[in-house]
Amino acid sequence: MNHETIELAFVALGAVALAVQTCILLAIFIGVTRAAKSIKEEIDEMKTTVMPVVASTREMVETTRGMVTRLTPKVESAVTDLSEVARSLRTQTEDVQVSVEQLLERVRKQSGRIDTMFSSTLDAVDKASTFVASTVAKPVRQLAGMLAGLKAVVESLRSSDPAYREPTLHDDKDMFV
């Protein structure tokens, strides 16, 4: 093989490689072109679908912006009023709490006084009932004793019969100590 043949084979091989490369590049170009057309069609379709939504969204955003602009002072005023009401309620709650504490303290004092009054009254009633009971019971017991003694005397005088008197037992055999 001579040098020219080898050179010619390399040139032919290079030409074939270049032709294959050109075919591949052409196929890539055709594929990219088709993909670009497909993407363009989808983008156009998306524009027709999305653009009305975007337009209506813009209108909605503008309407909302106008509404927010109009309502902002009113909301700020309402928040300020609500803050003042809360502050006023807090102050009134503190006043009511102080009043309730004072009222409860007065109730405690009065309850203590009433308890002391009832206790002293019940103690006095107890002492008085004890005094009355002892004052009345002592003479009644004395009177009952005197009546019992008188009755015994009358009974003993009334029955001077010796049979009336109890017989004495002289039989000690059954008694065991």
C-alpha atoms as a PDB file:
ATOM      1  CA  MET A   1       0.000   0.000   0.000  1.00  0.00           C
ATOM      2  CA  ASN A   2       1.406   3.079  -0.899  1.00  0.00           C
ATOM      3  CA  HIS A   3       1.170   6.351   0.744  1.00  0.00           C
ATOM      4  CA  GLU A   4      -1.280   7.921  -1.675  1.00  0.00           C
ATOM      5  CA  THR A   5      -3.767   5.103  -1.265  1.00  0.00           C
ATOM      6  CA  ILE A   6      -3.683   5.458   2.466  1.00  0.00           C
ATOM      7  CA  GLU A   7      -4.076   9.163   2.135  1.00  0.00           C
ATOM      8  CA  LEU A   8      -6.990   8.695  -0.219  1.00  0.00           C
ATOM      9  CA  ALA A   9      -8.620   6.216   2.191  1.00  0.00           C
ATOM     10  CA  PHE A  10      -8.286   8.740   5.035  1.00  0.00           C
ATOM     11  CA  VAL A  11      -9.720  11.501   2.903  1.00  0.00           C
ATOM     12  CA  ALA A  12     -12.605   9.237   1.875  1.00  0.00           C
ATOM     13  CA  LEU A  13     -13.139   8.241   5.497  1.00  0.00           C
ATOM     14  CA  GLY A  14     -13.093  11.927   6.488  1.00  0.00           C
ATOM     15  CA  ALA A  15     -15.601  12.719   3.695  1.00  0.00           C
ATOM     16  CA  VAL A  16     -17.901   9.930   4.853  1.00  0.00           C
ATOM     17  CA  ALA A  17     -17.603  11.146   8.467  1.00  0.00           C
ATOM     18  CA  LEU A  18     -18.345  14.689   7.333  1.00  0.00           C
ATOM     19  CA  ALA A  19     -21.388  13.469   5.370  1.00  0.00           C
ATOM     20  CA  VAL A  20     -22.660  11.494   8.382  1.00  0.00           C
ATOM     21  CA  GLN A  21     -22.070  14.524  10.605  1.00  0.00           C
ATOM     22  CA  THR A  22     -23.980  16.696   8.146  1.00  0.00           C
ATOM     23  CA  CYS A  23     -26.909  14.232   8.152  1.00  0.00           C
ATOM     24  CA  ILE A  24     -26.948  14.172  11.924  1.00  0.00           C
ATOM     25  CA  LEU A  25     -26.847  17.955  12.130  1.00  0.00           C
ATOM     26  CA  LEU A  26     -29.613  18.170   9.523  1.00  0.00           C
ATOM     27  CA  ALA A  27     -31.740  15.717  11.567  1.00  0.00           C
ATOM     28  CA  ILE A  28     -31.090  17.764  14.716  1.00  0.00           C
ATOM     29  CA  PHE A  29     -32.039  20.957  12.874  1.00  0.00           C
ATOM     30  CA  ILE A  30     -35.285  19.430  11.632  1.00  0.00           C
ATOM     31  CA  GLY A  31     -36.103  18.144  15.137  1.00  0.00           C
ATOM     32  CA  VAL A  32     -35.358  21.514  16.753  1.00  0.00           C
ATOM     33  CA  THR A  33     -37.433  23.317  14.100  1.00  0.00           C
ATOM     34  CA  ARG A  34     -40.408  21.023  14.700  1.00  0.00           C
ATOM     35  CA  ALA A  35     -40.041  21.407  18.493  1.00  0.00           C
ATOM     36  CA  ALA A  36     -39.849  25.201  18.118  1.00  0.00           C
ATOM     37  CA  LYS A  37     -43.038  25.173  16.020  1.00  0.00           C
ATOM     38  CA  SER A  38     -44.768  22.960  18.577  1.00  0.00           C
ATOM     39  CA  ILE A  39     -43.628  25.179  21.452  1.00  0.00           C
ATOM     40  CA  LYS A  40     -44.715  28.287  19.563  1.00  0.00           C
ATOM     41  CA  GLU A  41     -48.158  26.796  18.958  1.00  0.00           C
ATOM     42  CA  GLU A  42     -48.496  25.840  22.621  1.00  0.00           C
ATOM     43  CA  ILE A  43     -47.349  29.303  23.677  1.00  0.00           C
ATOM     44  CA  ASP A  44     -49.897  30.883  21.343  1.00  0.00           C
ATOM     45  CA  GLU A  45     -52.589  28.599  22.701  1.00  0.00           C
ATOM     46  CA  MET A  46     -51.539  29.441  26.256  1.00  0.00           C
ATOM     47  CA  LYS A  47     -51.622  33.150  25.422  1.00  0.00           C
ATOM     48  CA  THR A  48     -55.172  32.849  24.170  1.00  0.00           C
ATOM     49  CA  THR A  49     -56.148  30.975  27.316  1.00  0.00           C
ATOM     50  CA  VAL A  50     -54.116  32.846  29.928  1.00  0.00           C
ATOM     51  CA  MET A  51     -54.274  36.412  28.637  1.00  0.00           C
ATOM     52  CA  PRO A  52     -58.004  36.857  29.384  1.00  0.00           C
ATOM     53  CA  VAL A  53     -57.357  35.553  32.897  1.00  0.00           C
ATOM     54  CA  VAL A  54     -54.410  37.943  33.279  1.00  0.00           C
ATOM     55  CA  ALA A  55     -56.536  40.820  31.988  1.00  0.00           C
ATOM     56  CA  SER A  56     -59.371  40.028  34.390  1.00  0.00           C
ATOM     57  CA  THR A  57     -56.815  39.593  37.179  1.00  0.00           C
ATOM     58  CA  ARG A  58     -55.426  43.021  36.405  1.00  0.00           C
ATOM     59  CA  GLU A  59     -58.932  44.463  36.582  1.00  0.00           C
ATOM     60  CA  MET A  60     -59.509  42.611  39.862  1.00  0.00           C
ATOM     61  CA  VAL A  61     -56.188  43.868  41.239  1.00  0.00           C
ATOM     62  CA  GLU A  62     -57.077  47.434  40.271  1.00  0.00           C
ATOM     63  CA  THR A  63     -60.543  47.106  41.829  1.00  0.00           C
ATOM     64  CA  THR A  64     -59.032  45.605  44.968  1.00  0.00           C
ATOM     65  CA  ARG A  65     -56.407  48.319  45.138  1.00  0.00           C
ATOM     66  CA  GLY A  66     -59.133  50.973  44.884  1.00  0.00           C
ATOM     67  CA  MET A  67     -61.189  49.232  47.565  1.00  0.00           C
ATOM     68  CA  VAL A  68     -58.173  48.926  49.867  1.00  0.00           C
ATOM     69  CA  THR A  69     -57.400  52.598  49.287  1.00  0.00           C
ATOM     70  CA  ARG A  70     -60.957  53.551  50.215  1.00  0.00           C
ATOM     71  CA  LEU A  71     -61.215  51.200  53.207  1.00  0.00           C
ATOM     72  CA  THR A  72     -57.818  51.888  54.761  1.00  0.00           C
ATOM     73  CA  PRO A  73     -58.902  55.068  56.611  1.00  0.00           C
ATOM     74  CA  LYS A  74     -62.072  53.379  57.832  1.00  0.00           C
ATOM     75  CA  VAL A  75     -60.173  50.337  59.081  1.00  0.00           C
ATOM     76  CA  GLU A  76     -57.617  52.554  60.806  1.00  0.00           C
ATOM     77  CA  SER A  77     -60.447  54.518  62.432  1.00  0.00           C
ATOM     78  CA  ALA A  78     -62.163  51.307  63.568  1.00  0.00           C
ATOM     79  CA  VAL A  79     -58.912  49.972  65.010  1.00  0.00           C
ATOM     80  CA  THR A  80     -58.343  53.244  66.852  1.00  0.00           C
ATOM     81  CA  ASP A  81     -61.909  53.173  68.230  1.00  0.00           C
ATOM     82  CA  LEU A  82     -61.526  49.550  69.253  1.00  0.00           C
ATOM     83  CA  SER A  83     -58.267  50.383  71.013  1.00  0.00           C
ATOM     84  CA  GLU A  84     -59.967  53.215  72.914  1.00  0.00           C
ATOM     85  CA  VAL A  85     -62.870  50.929  73.877  1.00  0.00           C
ATOM     86  CA  ALA A  86     -60.421  48.286  75.114  1.00  0.00           C
ATOM     87  CA  ARG A  87     -58.534  50.883  77.143  1.00  0.00           C
ATOM     88  CA  SER A  88     -61.812  52.205  78.597  1.00  0.00           C
ATOM     89  CA  LEU A  89     -62.975  48.682  79.453  1.00  0.00           C
ATOM     90  CA  ARG A  90     -59.655  47.954  81.129  1.00  0.00           C
ATOM     91  CA  THR A  91     -60.002  51.101  83.260  1.00  0.00           C
ATOM     92  CA  GLN A  92     -63.614  50.296  84.167  1.00  0.00           C
ATOM     93  CA  THR A  93     -62.662  46.715  85.004  1.00  0.00           C
ATOM     94  CA  GLU A  94     -59.984  47.954  87.383  1.00  0.00           C
ATOM     95  CA  ASP A  95     -62.521  50.296  89.027  1.00  0.00           C
ATOM     96  CA  VAL A  96     -65.056  47.481  89.389  1.00  0.00           C
ATOM     97  CA  GLN A  97     -62.377  45.210  90.825  1.00  0.00           C
ATOM     98  CA  VAL A  98     -61.441  47.820  93.444  1.00  0.00           C
ATOM     99  CA  SER A  99     -65.128  48.312  94.319  1.00  0.00           C
ATOM    100  CA  VAL A 100     -65.701  44.581  94.636  1.00  0.00           C
ATOM    101  CA  GLU A 101     -62.653  44.222  96.882  1.00  0.00           C
ATOM    102  CA  GLN A 102     -63.925  47.037  99.117  1.00  0.00           C
ATOM    103  CA  LEU A 103     -67.386  45.468  99.218  1.00  0.00           C
ATOM    104  CA  LEU A 104     -65.952  42.070 100.105  1.00  0.00           C
ATOM    105  CA  GLU A 105     -63.864  43.627 102.881  1.00  0.00           C
ATOM    106  CA  ARG A 106     -66.994  45.276 104.308  1.00  0.00           C
ATOM    107  CA  VAL A 107     -68.894  41.993 104.076  1.00  0.00           C
ATOM    108  CA  ARG A 108     -66.060  40.222 105.917  1.00  0.00           C
ATOM    109  CA  LYS A 109     -66.092  42.839 108.684  1.00  0.00           C
ATOM    110  CA  GLN A 110     -69.882  42.690 109.029  1.00  0.00           C
ATOM    111  CA  SER A 111     -69.794  38.884 109.021  1.00  0.00           C
ATOM    112  CA  GLY A 112     -67.241  39.002 111.830  1.00  0.00           C
ATOM    113  CA  ARG A 113     -69.400  41.401 113.799  1.00  0.00           C
ATOM    114  CA  ILE A 114     -72.517  39.277 113.265  1.00  0.00           C
ATOM    115  CA  ASP A 115     -70.589  36.163 114.277  1.00  0.00           C
ATOM    116  CA  THR A 116     -69.376  37.877 117.445  1.00  0.00           C
ATOM    117  CA  MET A 117     -72.905  39.086 118.223  1.00  0.00           C
ATOM    118  CA  PHE A 118     -74.422  35.627 117.709  1.00  0.00           C
ATOM    119  CA  SER A 119     -71.680  33.975 119.730  1.00  0.00           C
ATOM    120  CA  SER A 120     -72.112  36.373 122.659  1.00  0.00           C
ATOM    121  CA  THR A 121     -75.913  36.034 122.441  1.00  0.00           C
ATOM    122  CA  LEU A 122     -75.713  32.239 122.413  1.00  0.00           C
ATOM    123  CA  ASP A 123     -73.240  32.319 125.320  1.00  0.00           C
ATOM    124  CA  ALA A 124     -75.621  34.578 127.286  1.00  0.00           C
ATOM    125  CA  VAL A 125     -78.578  32.296 126.492  1.00  0.00           C
ATOM    126  CA  ASP A 126     -76.527  29.275 127.572  1.00  0.00           C
ATOM    127  CA  LYS A 127     -75.540  30.967 130.841  1.00  0.00           C
ATOM    128  CA  ALA A 128     -79.114  32.109 131.447  1.00  0.00           C
ATOM    129  CA  SER A 129     -80.525  28.636 130.775  1.00  0.00           C
ATOM    130  CA  THR A 130     -77.915  27.112 133.088  1.00  0.00           C
ATOM    131  CA  PHE A 131     -78.767  29.671 135.763  1.00  0.00           C
ATOM    132  CA  VAL A 132     -82.511  29.148 135.366  1.00  0.00           C
ATOM    133  CA  ALA A 133     -82.075  25.389 135.352  1.00  0.00           C
ATOM    134  CA  SER A 134     -79.971  25.449 138.487  1.00  0.00           C
ATOM    135  CA  THR A 135     -82.241  28.044 140.139  1.00  0.00           C
ATOM    136  CA  VAL A 136     -85.417  26.113 139.377  1.00  0.00           C
ATOM    137  CA  ALA A 137     -84.011  22.591 139.656  1.00  0.00           C
ATOM    138  CA  LYS A 138     -82.435  23.023 143.088  1.00  0.00           C
ATOM    139  CA  PRO A 139     -85.657  24.043 144.873  1.00  0.00           C
ATOM    140  CA  VAL A 140     -87.616  21.446 142.914  1.00  0.00           C
ATOM    141  CA  ARG A 141     -85.191  18.729 144.031  1.00  0.00           C
ATOM    142  CA  GLN A 142     -85.357  19.972 147.597  1.00  0.00           C
ATOM    143  CA  LEU A 143     -89.126  20.034 147.440  1.00  0.00           C
ATOM    144  CA  ALA A 144     -89.193  16.552 145.907  1.00  0.00           C
ATOM    145  CA  GLY A 145     -86.881  15.324 148.637  1.00  0.00           C
ATOM    146  CA  MET A 146     -89.005  16.877 151.318  1.00  0.00           C
ATOM    147  CA  LEU A 147     -92.169  15.390 149.793  1.00  0.00           C
ATOM    148  CA  ALA A 148     -90.517  11.979 149.562  1.00  0.00           C
ATOM    149  CA  GLY A 149     -89.480  12.243 153.212  1.00  0.00           C
ATOM    150  CA  LEU A 150     -92.963  13.391 154.223  1.00  0.00           C
ATOM    151  CA  LYS A 151     -94.497  10.543 152.284  1.00  0.00           C
ATOM    152  CA  ALA A 152     -92.192   8.061 153.987  1.00  0.00           C
ATOM    153  CA  VAL A 153     -93.113   9.463 157.395  1.00  0.00           C
ATOM    154  CA  VAL A 154     -96.818   9.344 156.582  1.00  0.00           C
ATOM    155  CA  GLU A 155     -96.508   5.793 155.318  1.00  0.00           C
ATOM    156  CA  SER A 156     -94.601   4.658 158.325  1.00  0.00           C
ATOM    157  CA  LEU A 157     -97.101   6.261 160.676  1.00  0.00           C
ATOM    158  CA  ARG A 158     -99.992   4.943 158.791  1.00  0.00           C
ATOM    159  CA  SER A 159     -98.911   1.389 158.951  1.00  0.00           C
ATOM    160  CA  SER A 160     -97.865   0.667 162.431  1.00  0.00           C
ATOM    161  CA  ASP A 161     -98.793  -2.894 161.750  1.00  0.00           C
ATOM    162  CA  PRO A 162     -95.816  -5.152 162.498  1.00  0.00           C
ATOM    163  CA  ALA A 163     -96.815  -7.477 159.647  1.00  0.00           C
ATOM    164  CA  TYR A 164     -96.288  -4.659 157.283  1.00  0.00           C
ATOM    165  CA  ARG A 165     -92.686  -4.434 158.128  1.00  0.00           C
ATOM    166  CA  GLU A 166     -90.468  -6.542 156.098  1.00  0.00           C
ATOM    167  CA  PRO A 167     -89.340  -9.785 157.569  1.00  0.00           C
ATOM    168  CA  THR A 168     -85.675 -10.114 158.155  1.00  0.00           C
ATOM    169  CA  LEU A 169     -83.866 -13.019 156.663  1.00  0.00           C
ATOM    170  CA  HIS A 170     -81.850 -15.086 159.044  1.00  0.00           C
ATOM    171  CA  ASP A 171     -81.137 -17.853 156.667  1.00  0.00           C
ATOM    172  CA  ASP A 172     -77.567 -17.193 155.452  1.00  0.00           C
ATOM    173  CA  LYS A 173     -76.701 -20.598 154.181  1.00  0.00           C
ATOM    174  CA  ASP A 174     -77.373 -19.694 150.518  1.00  0.00           C
ATOM    175  CA  MET A 175     -75.315 -16.559 150.689  1.00  0.00           C
ATOM    176  CA  PHE A 176     -71.738 -16.994 149.660  1.00  0.00           C
ATOM    177  CA  VAL A 177     -69.171 -14.280 149.578  1.00  0.00           C
END
